[in-house]
């Protein structure tokens, strides 16, 4: 009998959820147009496409918010 290869189960962290544009807007509490504009300028949170659809990792949104918080406190 030959050994069957095991497929590792990916670790899922609560922050590793893939979000749609609308879900990311709700999470950040910004209008959809604002998030689209930030994406156009390249200054918003990291995004990627699945086919023609824009997606965000929740972790990237949290990290981006943390960066914004640090940036805001350094200008005071």
N, C-alpha and C. Protein backbone atom coordinates (compact mmCIF):
# COMPACT_ATOMS: atom_id res chain seq x y z
N UNK A 1 0.84 -1.18 0.00
CA UNK A 1 0.00 0.00 0.00
C UNK A 1 0.89 1.24 0.00
N UNK A 2 0.59 2.18 -0.87
CA UNK A 2 1.40 3.40 -0.96
C UNK A 2 0.79 4.48 -0.08
N UNK A 3 1.64 5.32 0.41
CA UNK A 3 1.17 6.42 1.27
C UNK A 3 0.51 7.49 0.41
N UNK A 4 -0.61 7.96 0.86
CA UNK A 4 -1.32 9.03 0.17
C UNK A 4 -0.74 10.38 0.60
N UNK A 5 -0.48 11.26 -0.34
CA UNK A 5 0.02 12.57 0.06
C UNK A 5 -1.06 13.32 0.85
N UNK A 6 -0.63 13.99 1.87
CA UNK A 6 -1.58 14.77 2.65
C UNK A 6 -1.57 16.20 2.17
N UNK A 7 -2.71 16.76 2.10
CA UNK A 7 -2.85 18.15 1.70
C UNK A 7 -2.96 18.97 2.98
N UNK A 8 -2.00 19.88 3.21
CA UNK A 8 -2.07 20.65 4.44
C UNK A 8 -3.29 21.56 4.45
N UNK A 9 -3.90 21.64 5.59
CA UNK A 9 -5.04 22.54 5.76
C UNK A 9 -4.51 23.94 6.00
N UNK A 10 -4.93 24.91 5.18
CA UNK A 10 -4.42 26.26 5.39
C UNK A 10 -4.91 26.81 6.73
N UNK A 11 -4.02 27.52 7.38
CA UNK A 11 -4.41 28.14 8.65
C UNK A 11 -5.24 29.36 8.34
N UNK A 12 -6.36 29.47 8.99
CA UNK A 12 -7.24 30.62 8.80
C UNK A 12 -7.20 31.47 10.05
N UNK A 13 -6.77 32.68 9.90
CA UNK A 13 -6.82 33.63 10.98
C UNK A 13 -8.07 34.48 10.79
N UNK A 14 -8.65 34.98 11.86
CA UNK A 14 -9.86 35.80 11.72
C UNK A 14 -9.64 37.00 10.79
N UNK A 15 -8.43 37.52 10.72
CA UNK A 15 -8.16 38.68 9.89
C UNK A 15 -7.90 38.36 8.43
N UNK A 16 -7.84 37.09 8.07
CA UNK A 16 -7.52 36.71 6.70
C UNK A 16 -8.75 36.55 5.81
N UNK A 17 -9.78 37.26 6.09
CA UNK A 17 -11.01 37.17 5.31
C UNK A 17 -10.92 38.09 4.09
N UNK A 18 -11.33 37.57 2.93
CA UNK A 18 -11.35 38.36 1.72
C UNK A 18 -12.65 39.17 1.68
N UNK A 19 -12.54 40.48 1.43
CA UNK A 19 -13.69 41.37 1.43
C UNK A 19 -13.93 41.96 0.05
N UNK A 20 -15.19 42.19 -0.26
CA UNK A 20 -15.56 42.90 -1.48
C UNK A 20 -15.32 44.39 -1.26
N UNK A 21 -15.45 45.15 -2.32
CA UNK A 21 -15.31 46.60 -2.23
C UNK A 21 -16.32 47.17 -1.24
N UNK A 22 -17.55 46.72 -1.33
CA UNK A 22 -18.60 47.23 -0.45
C UNK A 22 -18.34 46.86 1.01
N UNK A 23 -17.86 45.64 1.24
CA UNK A 23 -17.55 45.21 2.61
C UNK A 23 -16.37 46.00 3.17
N UNK A 24 -15.38 46.28 2.32
CA UNK A 24 -14.23 47.08 2.76
C UNK A 24 -14.67 48.50 3.11
N UNK A 25 -15.58 49.05 2.32
CA UNK A 25 -16.10 50.39 2.60
C UNK A 25 -16.83 50.41 3.94
N UNK A 26 -17.62 49.39 4.20
CA UNK A 26 -18.34 49.31 5.47
C UNK A 26 -17.35 49.17 6.62
N UNK A 27 -16.32 48.37 6.44
CA UNK A 27 -15.31 48.17 7.48
C UNK A 27 -14.58 49.48 7.79
N UNK A 28 -14.19 50.22 6.74
CA UNK A 28 -13.46 51.48 6.91
C UNK A 28 -14.38 52.66 7.19
N UNK A 29 -15.67 52.45 6.95
CA UNK A 29 -16.69 53.51 7.14
C UNK A 29 -16.42 54.70 6.23
N UNK A 30 -16.16 54.40 4.96
CA UNK A 30 -15.96 55.44 3.95
C UNK A 30 -16.87 55.13 2.77
N UNK A 31 -17.25 56.16 2.01
CA UNK A 31 -18.06 55.91 0.81
C UNK A 31 -17.29 55.11 -0.23
N UNK A 32 -18.02 54.40 -1.06
CA UNK A 32 -17.40 53.58 -2.11
C UNK A 32 -16.55 54.43 -3.04
N UNK A 33 -17.04 55.62 -3.36
CA UNK A 33 -16.28 56.51 -4.24
C UNK A 33 -14.93 56.90 -3.67
N UNK A 34 -14.87 57.08 -2.37
CA UNK A 34 -13.61 57.43 -1.71
C UNK A 34 -12.61 56.30 -1.83
N UNK A 35 -13.04 55.08 -1.58
CA UNK A 35 -12.13 53.93 -1.67
C UNK A 35 -11.68 53.71 -3.12
N UNK A 36 -12.58 53.92 -4.06
CA UNK A 36 -12.20 53.81 -5.48
C UNK A 36 -11.16 54.88 -5.85
N UNK A 37 -11.35 56.09 -5.34
CA UNK A 37 -10.42 57.18 -5.62
C UNK A 37 -9.06 56.89 -5.00
N UNK A 38 -9.02 56.44 -3.76
CA UNK A 38 -7.76 56.08 -3.11
C UNK A 38 -7.05 55.00 -3.91
N UNK A 39 -7.82 54.02 -4.41
CA UNK A 39 -7.22 52.94 -5.22
C UNK A 39 -6.63 53.51 -6.49
N UNK A 40 -7.34 54.45 -7.13
CA UNK A 40 -6.86 55.10 -8.34
C UNK A 40 -5.55 55.85 -8.07
N UNK A 41 -5.46 56.56 -6.95
CA UNK A 41 -4.27 57.33 -6.60
C UNK A 41 -3.13 56.45 -6.10
N UNK A 42 -3.49 55.23 -5.65
CA UNK A 42 -2.47 54.32 -5.10
C UNK A 42 -2.12 54.63 -3.66
N UNK A 43 -2.99 55.36 -2.97
CA UNK A 43 -2.69 55.74 -1.59
C UNK A 43 -3.58 55.02 -0.57
N UNK A 44 -4.46 54.19 -1.02
CA UNK A 44 -5.35 53.47 -0.12
C UNK A 44 -4.79 52.13 0.28
N UNK A 45 -5.60 51.33 0.95
CA UNK A 45 -5.15 50.00 1.35
C UNK A 45 -4.89 49.11 0.13
N UNK A 46 -4.01 48.13 0.30
CA UNK A 46 -3.68 47.20 -0.79
C UNK A 46 -4.93 46.46 -1.24
N UNK A 47 -5.11 46.39 -2.55
CA UNK A 47 -6.24 45.67 -3.14
C UNK A 47 -5.72 44.77 -4.25
N UNK A 48 -6.57 43.88 -4.70
CA UNK A 48 -6.22 42.99 -5.80
C UNK A 48 -7.50 42.62 -6.53
N UNK A 49 -7.34 42.04 -7.69
CA UNK A 49 -8.51 41.64 -8.48
C UNK A 49 -8.63 40.13 -8.56
N UNK A 50 -9.86 39.67 -8.48
CA UNK A 50 -10.21 38.29 -8.75
C UNK A 50 -11.12 38.38 -9.97
N UNK A 51 -10.55 38.07 -11.11
CA UNK A 51 -11.27 38.32 -12.35
C UNK A 51 -11.39 39.82 -12.55
N UNK A 52 -12.61 40.30 -12.64
CA UNK A 52 -12.85 41.74 -12.79
C UNK A 52 -13.24 42.40 -11.47
N UNK A 53 -13.24 41.66 -10.39
CA UNK A 53 -13.74 42.15 -9.11
C UNK A 53 -12.60 42.53 -8.17
N UNK A 54 -12.69 43.71 -7.57
CA UNK A 54 -11.69 44.19 -6.62
C UNK A 54 -11.96 43.55 -5.26
N UNK A 55 -10.89 43.09 -4.63
CA UNK A 55 -10.99 42.45 -3.31
C UNK A 55 -9.93 43.03 -2.39
N UNK A 56 -10.18 42.91 -1.10
CA UNK A 56 -9.27 43.37 -0.06
C UNK A 56 -9.15 42.28 0.99
N UNK A 57 -7.96 42.08 1.56
CA UNK A 57 -7.81 41.21 2.71
C UNK A 57 -8.07 42.06 3.94
N UNK A 58 -8.84 41.56 4.87
CA UNK A 58 -9.16 42.30 6.09
C UNK A 58 -7.87 42.70 6.81
N UNK A 59 -6.88 41.82 6.82
CA UNK A 59 -5.60 42.13 7.46
C UNK A 59 -4.95 43.36 6.85
N UNK A 60 -5.01 43.49 5.52
CA UNK A 60 -4.43 44.66 4.85
C UNK A 60 -5.16 45.94 5.25
N UNK A 61 -6.46 45.86 5.44
CA UNK A 61 -7.22 47.04 5.88
C UNK A 61 -6.80 47.45 7.28
N UNK A 62 -6.63 46.48 8.16
CA UNK A 62 -6.23 46.76 9.54
C UNK A 62 -4.82 47.36 9.57
N UNK A 63 -3.90 46.79 8.80
CA UNK A 63 -2.53 47.33 8.74
C UNK A 63 -2.51 48.74 8.17
N UNK A 64 -3.30 48.98 7.14
CA UNK A 64 -3.38 50.31 6.54
C UNK A 64 -3.93 51.32 7.53
N UNK A 65 -4.95 50.94 8.28
CA UNK A 65 -5.50 51.84 9.31
C UNK A 65 -4.45 52.15 10.37
N UNK A 66 -3.68 51.15 10.77
CA UNK A 66 -2.63 51.36 11.77
C UNK A 66 -1.60 52.36 11.25
N UNK A 67 -1.24 52.23 9.97
CA UNK A 67 -0.29 53.17 9.36
C UNK A 67 -0.86 54.59 9.36
N UNK A 68 -2.14 54.72 9.06
CA UNK A 68 -2.77 56.03 9.03
C UNK A 68 -2.79 56.65 10.42
N UNK A 69 -3.00 55.83 11.44
CA UNK A 69 -3.01 56.31 12.81
C UNK A 69 -1.63 56.82 13.20
N UNK A 70 -0.58 56.08 12.85
CA UNK A 70 0.80 56.50 13.14
C UNK A 70 1.14 57.78 12.39
N UNK A 71 0.75 57.83 11.13
CA UNK A 71 1.04 59.00 10.30
C UNK A 71 0.35 60.24 10.87
N UNK A 72 -0.88 60.09 11.34
CA UNK A 72 -1.63 61.21 11.88
C UNK A 72 -1.03 61.75 13.16
N UNK A 73 -0.52 60.87 14.02
CA UNK A 73 0.04 61.32 15.29
C UNK A 73 1.43 61.93 15.12
N UNK A 74 2.15 61.60 14.05
CA UNK A 74 3.50 62.13 13.85
C UNK A 74 3.48 63.57 13.31
N UNK A 75 2.35 64.01 12.77
CA UNK A 75 2.24 65.37 12.23
C UNK A 75 1.82 66.38 13.27
N UNK A 76 1.53 65.95 14.48
CA UNK A 76 1.03 66.90 15.48
C UNK A 76 2.14 67.53 16.24
